[in-house]
Amino acid sequence: MIKKHSFFYFLVYFIFGLQVLVGAQTTQSDGKRSNTIQTAAPFLLITPDARSGAMGDVGVAISPDANSLHWNPAKMAFLDKPTGLSASYTPWLRNLVPDVDLGYLTIYHRLDKRNTIGGALRYFSYGSIQLTDNSQNDIGVYSPNEFSIEGTYSRKFGNDFSLGTAIRYIRSSLSNGQFNGQDIQPATALAADASAYYKTGTFLLGRDAEVAFGLNVSNIGTKMSYTNNGSKSFLPTNMKLGTATTFMLDELSTLTFALDLNKLLVPTSPIRDASGRIISGKDPERSVPSAIFGSFSDAPGGFSEEISEISYSAGAEYWYNKQFAIRSGYFYETPTKGDRRYFTVGAGLKYNVFNIDFAYILANQQTSPLAQTLRFSLVFNFEK
């Protein structure tokens, strides 16, 4: 059996909640039961771009850009440039490990006034891990990684409403060793997104304004397994619902406030007795459609636990002369469901055909592995 650096794997799977290696339920210091929802390929939910990363991870309803493919494919129908691309880079968990990275590349093209297509590549690297056998002999280095490739399409209906979809191929290669006597192999899956976007002009608080609403149900797809006969894990199917309001302060300045709500549409782990029988909650071994619809009523703690599974993102963005932006935000997750809580800040600069954005996470360095995380994005928008 091949062994790996135990601290690294404990860290990765604890933070991301992979069902393959760890259990879901623990007890916190205050006596409350922690019951985090666990999925395969959680890298699909990591904020990939610096603009939304600076706004507390909001994105489903803010004004469209080249990174809308991740947040809400339907927004792409409202892009005002005919073609664009974006490249983003995030050094991940640098307070804990030195070589974990997320890269994200997107491209879009407007076919006409109503139809837009796009594509994206997301690559998550876990760095390099030294492998040893049972006698601690060096047997080489392995580089775990995960990636997804997707294509998107969106169409505008009228002047205010659009629908969009995405098709995604996912591959997760986390080990080339064994677990519980079974060979671990790369896992693959196919998934789809369904999204909607609506915006309208209005007059609010004495100023011209634009109000937008967005909905995206992402990663609806097949289960993943890392062994031939092992259990299969759900993809991180996620419902994101949000709104954004942009105020035109004057001829040169705009100010946007945005709020997103997120809920995973996968089973919540039930409470079992010592023999493994379910005493509260529902059996998580069910089909993907059943899991999606059942995710609103399967928490063992009832309605209060269902509500606690919603995470919140709030952000603000100020643009001056459509050339310089400053951003801030806050992300909140219930302590029993992951306990991610942090402020974010960032800025953007638009020059000619490209935008440069960066984001920074402000969190407690002693309690949050995400503290001091930086994100960088470079966006190109081309005229005809």
Protein backbone atom coordinates (compact mmCIF):
# COMPACT_ATOMS: atom_id res chain seq x y z
CA MET A 1 0.00 0.00 0.00
CA ILE A 2 1.29 3.45 -0.88
CA LYS A 3 1.34 6.02 1.86
CA LYS A 4 1.30 9.79 1.42
CA HIS A 5 1.91 12.82 3.57
CA SER A 6 -0.93 12.37 6.07
CA PHE A 7 -1.04 16.05 7.10
CA PHE A 8 -1.52 17.24 3.55
CA TYR A 9 -4.36 14.84 2.84
CA PHE A 10 -6.04 15.51 6.16
CA LEU A 11 -5.89 19.21 5.36
CA VAL A 12 -7.21 18.96 1.83
CA TYR A 13 -10.09 16.62 2.59
CA PHE A 14 -11.05 18.38 5.80
CA ILE A 15 -11.30 21.78 4.13
CA PHE A 16 -13.09 20.62 1.00
CA GLY A 17 -15.21 17.89 2.65
CA LEU A 18 -14.51 15.05 0.25
CA GLN A 19 -16.68 12.07 1.07
CA VAL A 20 -14.00 9.64 -0.04
CA LEU A 21 -11.85 9.74 3.08
CA VAL A 22 -13.51 11.52 5.99
CA GLY A 23 -16.77 11.48 7.93
CA ALA A 24 -19.20 14.37 8.00
CA GLN A 25 -20.12 14.67 11.64
CA THR A 26 -18.05 16.06 14.47
CA THR A 27 -18.81 17.87 17.71
CA GLN A 28 -17.69 21.46 18.20
CA SER A 29 -16.26 22.90 21.39
CA ASP A 30 -19.63 24.47 22.26
CA GLY A 31 -21.33 21.06 22.06
CA LYS A 32 -23.10 21.66 18.76
CA ARG A 33 -22.92 18.93 16.16
CA SER A 34 -21.06 19.87 12.98
CA ASN A 35 -22.59 18.21 9.93
CA THR A 36 -20.91 19.58 6.83
CA ILE A 37 -22.28 18.53 3.45
CA GLN A 38 -19.72 16.51 1.55
CA THR A 39 -19.23 16.08 -2.18
CA ALA A 40 -16.71 15.08 -4.78
CA ALA A 41 -14.91 17.74 -6.87
CA PRO A 42 -15.59 20.69 -4.52
CA PHE A 43 -13.04 22.73 -6.50
CA LEU A 44 -15.95 23.50 -8.85
CA LEU A 45 -17.36 25.89 -6.22
CA ILE A 46 -14.17 27.86 -5.54
CA THR A 47 -14.47 31.46 -6.74
CA PRO A 48 -12.16 31.57 -9.76
CA ASP A 49 -12.00 35.30 -10.61
CA ALA A 50 -10.77 38.38 -8.78
CA ARG A 51 -13.78 40.63 -9.36
CA SER A 52 -16.28 38.43 -7.53
CA GLY A 53 -13.54 37.32 -5.14
CA ALA A 54 -13.19 40.93 -4.00
CA MET A 55 -16.95 41.27 -3.49
CA GLY A 56 -17.44 38.50 -0.94
CA ASP A 57 -17.91 35.83 -3.66
CA VAL A 58 -21.07 37.34 -5.17
CA GLY A 59 -21.62 36.97 -8.88
CA VAL A 60 -24.96 35.53 -9.99
CA ALA A 61 -26.62 38.94 -10.59
CA ILE A 62 -23.82 41.52 -10.92
CA SER A 63 -23.17 43.02 -14.36
CA PRO A 64 -21.91 40.45 -16.89
CA ASP A 65 -18.27 39.98 -17.81
CA ALA A 66 -16.08 37.26 -19.30
CA ASN A 67 -16.24 35.25 -16.04
CA SER A 68 -20.04 35.01 -16.08
CA LEU A 69 -19.61 31.45 -17.33
CA HIS A 70 -18.93 30.38 -13.73
CA TRP A 71 -21.53 32.49 -11.95
CA ASN A 72 -24.48 32.59 -14.32
CA PRO A 73 -24.19 31.58 -17.99
CA ALA A 74 -27.44 33.44 -18.77
CA LYS A 75 -25.69 36.79 -18.16
CA MET A 76 -23.49 36.24 -21.19
CA ALA A 77 -26.39 37.23 -23.46
CA PHE A 78 -26.05 40.79 -22.11
CA LEU A 79 -22.32 41.20 -22.79
CA ASP A 80 -21.77 44.37 -24.79
CA LYS A 81 -18.53 43.34 -26.53
CA PRO A 82 -18.55 40.83 -29.40
CA THR A 83 -15.66 38.72 -28.11
CA GLY A 84 -13.69 38.43 -24.89
CA LEU A 85 -11.48 36.19 -22.83
CA SER A 86 -10.25 36.07 -19.26
CA ALA A 87 -7.38 34.40 -17.42
CA SER A 88 -7.44 34.09 -13.61
CA TYR A 89 -4.97 32.68 -11.12
CA THR A 90 -5.34 31.94 -7.40
CA PRO A 91 -2.57 30.62 -5.11
CA TRP A 92 -4.77 28.55 -2.77
CA LEU A 93 -4.27 27.90 0.98
CA ARG A 94 -0.78 29.44 0.99
CA ASN A 95 -0.90 29.78 4.78
CA LEU A 96 -0.79 26.00 4.96
CA VAL A 97 0.75 24.55 1.79
CA PRO A 98 3.14 26.12 -0.72
CA ASP A 99 2.03 24.78 -4.10
CA VAL A 100 -1.76 24.50 -4.40
CA ASP A 101 -3.14 26.60 -7.27
CA LEU A 102 -6.32 27.28 -9.22
CA GLY A 103 -6.24 28.46 -12.82
CA TYR A 104 -9.31 29.55 -14.80
CA LEU A 105 -9.51 30.44 -18.50
CA THR A 106 -12.69 31.58 -20.27
CA ILE A 107 -13.67 32.81 -23.72
CA TYR A 108 -16.97 34.00 -25.20
CA HIS A 109 -18.33 35.17 -28.55
CA ARG A 110 -21.61 36.83 -29.40
CA LEU A 111 -23.21 35.17 -32.41
CA ASP A 112 -25.74 37.97 -32.82
CA LYS A 113 -27.75 40.38 -30.67
CA ARG A 114 -29.46 37.56 -28.79
CA ASN A 115 -27.18 34.52 -28.75
CA THR A 116 -23.79 34.07 -27.10
CA ILE A 117 -21.55 31.03 -26.76
CA GLY A 118 -18.55 30.47 -24.51
CA GLY A 119 -16.09 27.99 -23.10
CA ALA A 120 -14.00 27.56 -19.96
CA LEU A 121 -11.13 25.51 -18.60
CA ARG A 122 -10.62 25.19 -14.83
CA TYR A 123 -7.51 23.48 -13.45
CA PHE A 124 -6.84 22.82 -9.77
CA SER A 125 -3.40 21.55 -8.75
CA TYR A 126 -2.68 20.05 -5.32
CA GLY A 127 1.07 20.41 -5.83
CA SER A 128 3.55 17.57 -5.48
CA ILE A 129 3.37 14.82 -2.88
CA GLN A 130 6.20 12.49 -1.93
CA LEU A 131 5.16 8.84 -2.02
CA THR A 132 6.59 6.15 0.27
CA ASP A 133 5.90 2.47 0.80
CA ASN A 134 5.17 0.76 4.13
CA SER A 135 8.88 0.82 4.96
CA GLN A 136 9.04 4.56 4.28
CA ASN A 137 11.13 4.05 1.17
CA ASP A 138 10.92 6.79 -1.43
CA ILE A 139 8.96 5.56 -4.48
CA GLY A 140 8.48 8.82 -6.34
CA VAL A 141 6.39 11.97 -6.49
CA TYR A 142 2.73 12.31 -7.43
CA SER A 143 0.88 15.48 -8.45
CA PRO A 144 -2.87 15.26 -7.69
CA ASN A 145 -5.05 17.50 -9.82
CA GLU A 146 -8.61 18.15 -10.92
CA PHE A 147 -9.93 19.95 -13.98
CA SER A 148 -13.12 20.74 -15.86
CA ILE A 149 -13.86 21.71 -19.45
CA GLU A 150 -17.15 23.35 -20.33
CA GLY A 151 -19.16 24.91 -23.12
CA THR A 152 -21.96 27.41 -22.57
CA TYR A 153 -24.84 28.96 -24.48
CA SER A 154 -27.15 31.83 -23.56
CA ARG A 155 -30.04 33.55 -25.30
CA LYS A 156 -31.74 36.87 -24.65
CA PHE A 157 -35.55 37.03 -24.67
CA GLY A 158 -36.70 40.60 -25.10
CA ASN A 159 -34.56 43.36 -23.62
CA ASP A 160 -34.53 42.33 -19.97
CA PHE A 161 -34.46 38.54 -19.63
CA SER A 162 -32.15 35.70 -20.65
CA LEU A 163 -31.62 31.98 -20.11
CA GLY A 164 -28.37 30.05 -20.22
CA THR A 165 -26.89 26.60 -19.87
CA ALA A 166 -23.51 24.92 -19.61
CA ILE A 167 -22.24 21.40 -20.25
CA ARG A 168 -19.18 20.36 -18.20
CA TYR A 169 -16.72 17.46 -18.24
CA ILE A 170 -14.94 16.86 -14.90
CA ARG A 171 -11.90 14.77 -14.11
CA SER A 172 -10.47 14.28 -10.62
CA SER A 173 -7.14 12.50 -10.10
CA LEU A 174 -6.25 12.51 -6.41
CA SER A 175 -4.05 9.43 -5.99
CA ASN A 176 -2.40 6.51 -7.74
CA GLY A 177 -2.26 4.32 -4.61
CA GLN A 178 -4.77 2.22 -2.69
CA PHE A 179 -7.46 2.89 -0.10
CA ASN A 180 -9.07 0.10 1.96
CA GLY A 181 -7.44 -2.45 -0.31
CA GLN A 182 -8.79 -0.96 -3.54
CA ASP A 183 -6.84 0.78 -6.27
CA ILE A 184 -7.63 4.49 -6.48
CA GLN A 185 -8.16 5.75 -10.00
CA PRO A 186 -9.18 9.06 -11.59
CA ALA A 187 -12.88 9.82 -11.37
CA THR A 188 -14.86 11.47 -14.17
CA ALA A 189 -18.31 12.98 -14.50
CA LEU A 190 -20.56 15.01 -16.78
CA ALA A 191 -22.62 17.91 -15.47
CA ALA A 192 -24.86 20.74 -16.63
CA ASP A 193 -25.97 24.17 -15.41
CA ALA A 194 -29.36 25.86 -15.81
CA SER A 195 -29.54 29.61 -15.25
CA ALA A 196 -31.68 32.73 -15.67
CA TYR A 197 -31.02 36.47 -15.50
CA TYR A 198 -33.30 39.51 -15.39
CA LYS A 199 -32.44 43.20 -15.24
CA THR A 200 -34.43 46.39 -15.54
CA GLY A 201 -33.91 50.13 -15.19
CA THR A 202 -35.71 51.95 -12.40
CA PHE A 203 -35.65 55.04 -10.17
CA LEU A 204 -34.61 54.23 -6.61
CA LEU A 205 -33.74 56.40 -3.61
CA GLY A 206 -33.84 59.49 -5.76
CA ARG A 207 -31.41 58.17 -8.39
CA ASP A 208 -31.44 56.30 -11.66
CA ALA A 209 -30.68 52.66 -10.96
CA GLU A 210 -30.60 49.18 -12.46
CA VAL A 211 -31.94 46.18 -10.56
CA ALA A 212 -30.95 42.64 -11.53
CA PHE A 213 -31.83 39.13 -10.36
CA GLY A 214 -30.03 35.89 -11.13
CA LEU A 215 -30.50 32.17 -10.57
CA ASN A 216 -28.04 29.39 -11.38
CA VAL A 217 -28.35 25.70 -10.55
CA SER A 218 -24.91 24.32 -11.32
CA ASN A 219 -23.18 20.93 -11.51
CA ILE A 220 -26.26 18.79 -12.09
CA GLY A 221 -24.59 15.57 -13.10
CA THR A 222 -23.42 12.02 -12.61
CA LYS A 223 -21.85 10.73 -9.41
CA MET A 224 -18.10 10.17 -9.11
CA SER A 225 -16.15 7.18 -7.79
CA TYR A 226 -12.42 6.77 -7.25
CA THR A 227 -12.54 2.95 -7.10
CA ASN A 228 -14.14 0.28 -9.28
CA ASN A 229 -16.54 -1.04 -6.67
CA GLY A 230 -16.47 1.75 -4.11
CA SER A 231 -19.18 4.19 -3.10
CA LYS A 232 -20.06 7.04 -5.44
CA SER A 233 -20.06 10.67 -4.36
CA PHE A 234 -22.38 13.43 -5.49
CA LEU A 235 -21.07 16.40 -7.45
CA PRO A 236 -21.45 19.76 -5.66
CA THR A 237 -24.82 20.58 -7.22
CA ASN A 238 -25.47 24.11 -6.03
CA MET A 239 -28.32 26.61 -6.22
CA LYS A 240 -27.23 30.24 -6.30
CA LEU A 241 -29.87 32.96 -6.06
CA GLY A 242 -28.98 36.62 -5.95
CA THR A 243 -29.77 40.24 -6.68
CA ALA A 244 -27.75 43.35 -7.48
CA THR A 245 -28.67 47.03 -7.58
CA THR A 246 -26.51 49.60 -9.38
CA PHE A 247 -26.96 53.30 -8.65
CA MET A 248 -25.85 55.96 -11.15
CA LEU A 249 -24.35 58.47 -8.70
CA ASP A 250 -23.42 60.97 -11.41
CA GLU A 251 -22.16 60.99 -14.97
CA LEU A 252 -18.88 59.34 -13.96
CA SER A 253 -19.67 57.18 -10.94
CA THR A 254 -21.71 54.04 -10.27
CA LEU A 255 -22.16 52.06 -7.06
CA THR A 256 -23.39 48.44 -6.93
CA PHE A 257 -24.65 46.44 -3.95
CA ALA A 258 -25.13 42.69 -4.38
CA LEU A 259 -26.33 39.74 -2.31
CA ASP A 260 -26.10 36.00 -3.13
CA LEU A 261 -27.57 33.00 -1.32
CA ASN A 262 -26.12 29.53 -1.89
CA LYS A 263 -27.40 26.08 -1.01
CA LEU A 264 -25.94 22.71 -1.93
CA LEU A 265 -28.54 20.40 -3.48
CA VAL A 266 -27.01 17.15 -2.24
CA PRO A 267 -27.96 14.90 0.70
CA THR A 268 -27.16 15.90 4.26
CA SER A 269 -25.54 13.11 6.28
CA PRO A 270 -28.03 11.50 8.69
CA ILE A 271 -27.41 10.67 12.34
CA ARG A 272 -26.71 6.99 12.89
CA ASP A 273 -26.51 4.82 15.99
CA ALA A 274 -23.56 2.60 16.92
CA SER A 275 -24.74 -0.14 14.56
CA GLY A 276 -25.05 2.25 11.62
CA ARG A 277 -28.84 2.51 11.55
CA ILE A 278 -30.32 5.92 10.72
CA ILE A 279 -32.04 7.46 13.72
CA SER A 280 -32.55 10.95 12.28
CA GLY A 281 -32.47 12.23 8.73
CA LYS A 282 -32.71 10.31 5.47
CA ASP A 283 -30.65 7.72 3.65
CA PRO A 284 -28.17 9.60 1.39
CA GLU A 285 -27.94 6.68 -1.07
CA ARG A 286 -30.37 7.86 -3.70
CA SER A 287 -30.53 9.10 -7.27
CA VAL A 288 -29.35 12.53 -8.35
CA PRO A 289 -32.89 13.90 -9.03
CA SER A 290 -34.12 12.53 -5.72
CA ALA A 291 -31.13 14.08 -3.94
CA ILE A 292 -31.73 17.50 -5.51
CA PHE A 293 -35.41 17.70 -4.53
CA GLY A 294 -34.85 15.95 -1.21
CA SER A 295 -32.05 18.33 -0.20
CA PHE A 296 -34.65 20.80 1.10
CA SER A 297 -36.04 18.38 3.68
CA ASP A 298 -33.44 15.72 4.56
CA ALA A 299 -31.39 17.41 7.30
CA PRO A 300 -31.57 15.47 10.58
CA GLY A 301 -32.00 18.72 12.48
CA GLY A 302 -35.13 19.64 10.56
CA PHE A 303 -36.01 23.05 9.15
CA SER A 304 -33.50 24.93 11.30
CA GLU A 305 -30.65 22.82 9.95
CA GLU A 306 -31.89 23.29 6.39
CA ILE A 307 -31.72 27.06 6.87
CA SER A 308 -28.23 26.77 8.34
CA GLU A 309 -27.08 25.15 5.08
CA ILE A 310 -27.52 28.45 3.25
CA SER A 311 -24.36 30.54 2.92
CA TYR A 312 -24.44 34.29 2.27
CA SER A 313 -22.30 36.57 0.15
CA ALA A 314 -22.61 40.36 0.17
CA GLY A 315 -20.51 42.77 -1.84
CA ALA A 316 -20.14 46.32 -3.13
CA GLU A 317 -18.42 47.76 -6.18
CA TYR A 318 -17.68 51.40 -7.06
CA TRP A 319 -16.66 52.41 -10.57
CA TYR A 320 -15.23 55.80 -11.51
CA ASN A 321 -15.42 56.80 -15.16
CA LYS A 322 -15.67 53.09 -16.10
CA GLN A 323 -11.90 52.91 -15.62
CA PHE A 324 -11.17 52.33 -11.94
CA ALA A 325 -13.06 50.15 -9.46
CA ILE A 326 -12.79 49.44 -5.75
CA ARG A 327 -14.61 46.49 -4.19
CA SER A 328 -15.34 44.89 -0.83
CA GLY A 329 -17.52 42.13 0.55
CA TYR A 330 -18.26 39.56 3.21
CA PHE A 331 -18.88 35.81 3.10
CA TYR A 332 -20.69 33.92 5.87
CA GLU A 333 -21.19 30.20 6.42
CA THR A 334 -22.80 28.69 9.52
CA PRO A 335 -20.21 27.23 11.96
CA THR A 336 -21.82 23.79 11.85
CA LYS A 337 -21.71 23.76 8.02
CA GLY A 338 -18.09 24.71 7.37
CA ASP A 339 -17.57 27.95 9.30
CA ARG A 340 -16.04 29.99 6.48
CA ARG A 341 -16.32 33.65 7.44
CA TYR A 342 -14.19 36.40 5.95
CA PHE A 343 -14.06 39.92 4.53
CA THR A 344 -12.72 40.61 1.06
CA VAL A 345 -11.28 43.68 -0.68
CA GLY A 346 -9.96 44.38 -4.13
CA ALA A 347 -9.66 46.75 -7.05
CA GLY A 348 -9.88 46.81 -10.83
CA LEU A 349 -8.36 48.91 -13.60
CA LYS A 350 -9.70 49.16 -17.13
CA TYR A 351 -7.37 50.33 -19.87
CA ASN A 352 -8.16 50.15 -23.56
CA VAL A 353 -9.34 46.57 -24.28
CA PHE A 354 -8.31 44.88 -21.04
CA ASN A 355 -9.17 44.88 -17.34
CA ILE A 356 -6.83 43.97 -14.49
CA ASP A 357 -8.45 42.83 -11.23
CA PHE A 358 -7.13 41.58 -7.92
CA ALA A 359 -8.75 40.40 -4.68
CA TYR A 360 -7.57 39.70 -1.15
CA ILE A 361 -9.23 37.72 1.66
CA LEU A 362 -9.13 39.28 5.13
CA ALA A 363 -9.53 36.49 7.69
CA ASN A 364 -8.11 35.38 11.02
CA GLN A 365 -4.77 33.71 10.29
CA GLN A 366 -5.09 31.44 13.34
CA THR A 367 -8.53 30.07 12.48
CA SER A 368 -8.96 30.38 8.72
CA PRO A 369 -6.80 28.58 6.12
CA LEU A 370 -8.09 31.08 3.54
CA ALA A 371 -6.44 34.09 5.22
CA GLN A 372 -4.28 36.24 2.93
CA THR A 373 -5.53 34.51 -0.23
CA LEU A 374 -4.87 36.57 -3.38
CA ARG A 375 -6.65 36.33 -6.72
CA PHE A 376 -5.62 37.85 -10.04
CA SER A 377 -7.63 38.21 -13.26
CA LEU A 378 -6.83 39.65 -16.67
CA VAL A 379 -9.82 40.25 -18.97
CA PHE A 380 -9.66 41.14 -22.66
CA ASN A 381 -12.72 42.57 -24.44
CA PHE A 382 -12.33 42.90 -28.20
CA GLU A 383 -14.25 45.16 -30.55
CA LYS A 384 -15.22 44.00 -34.01
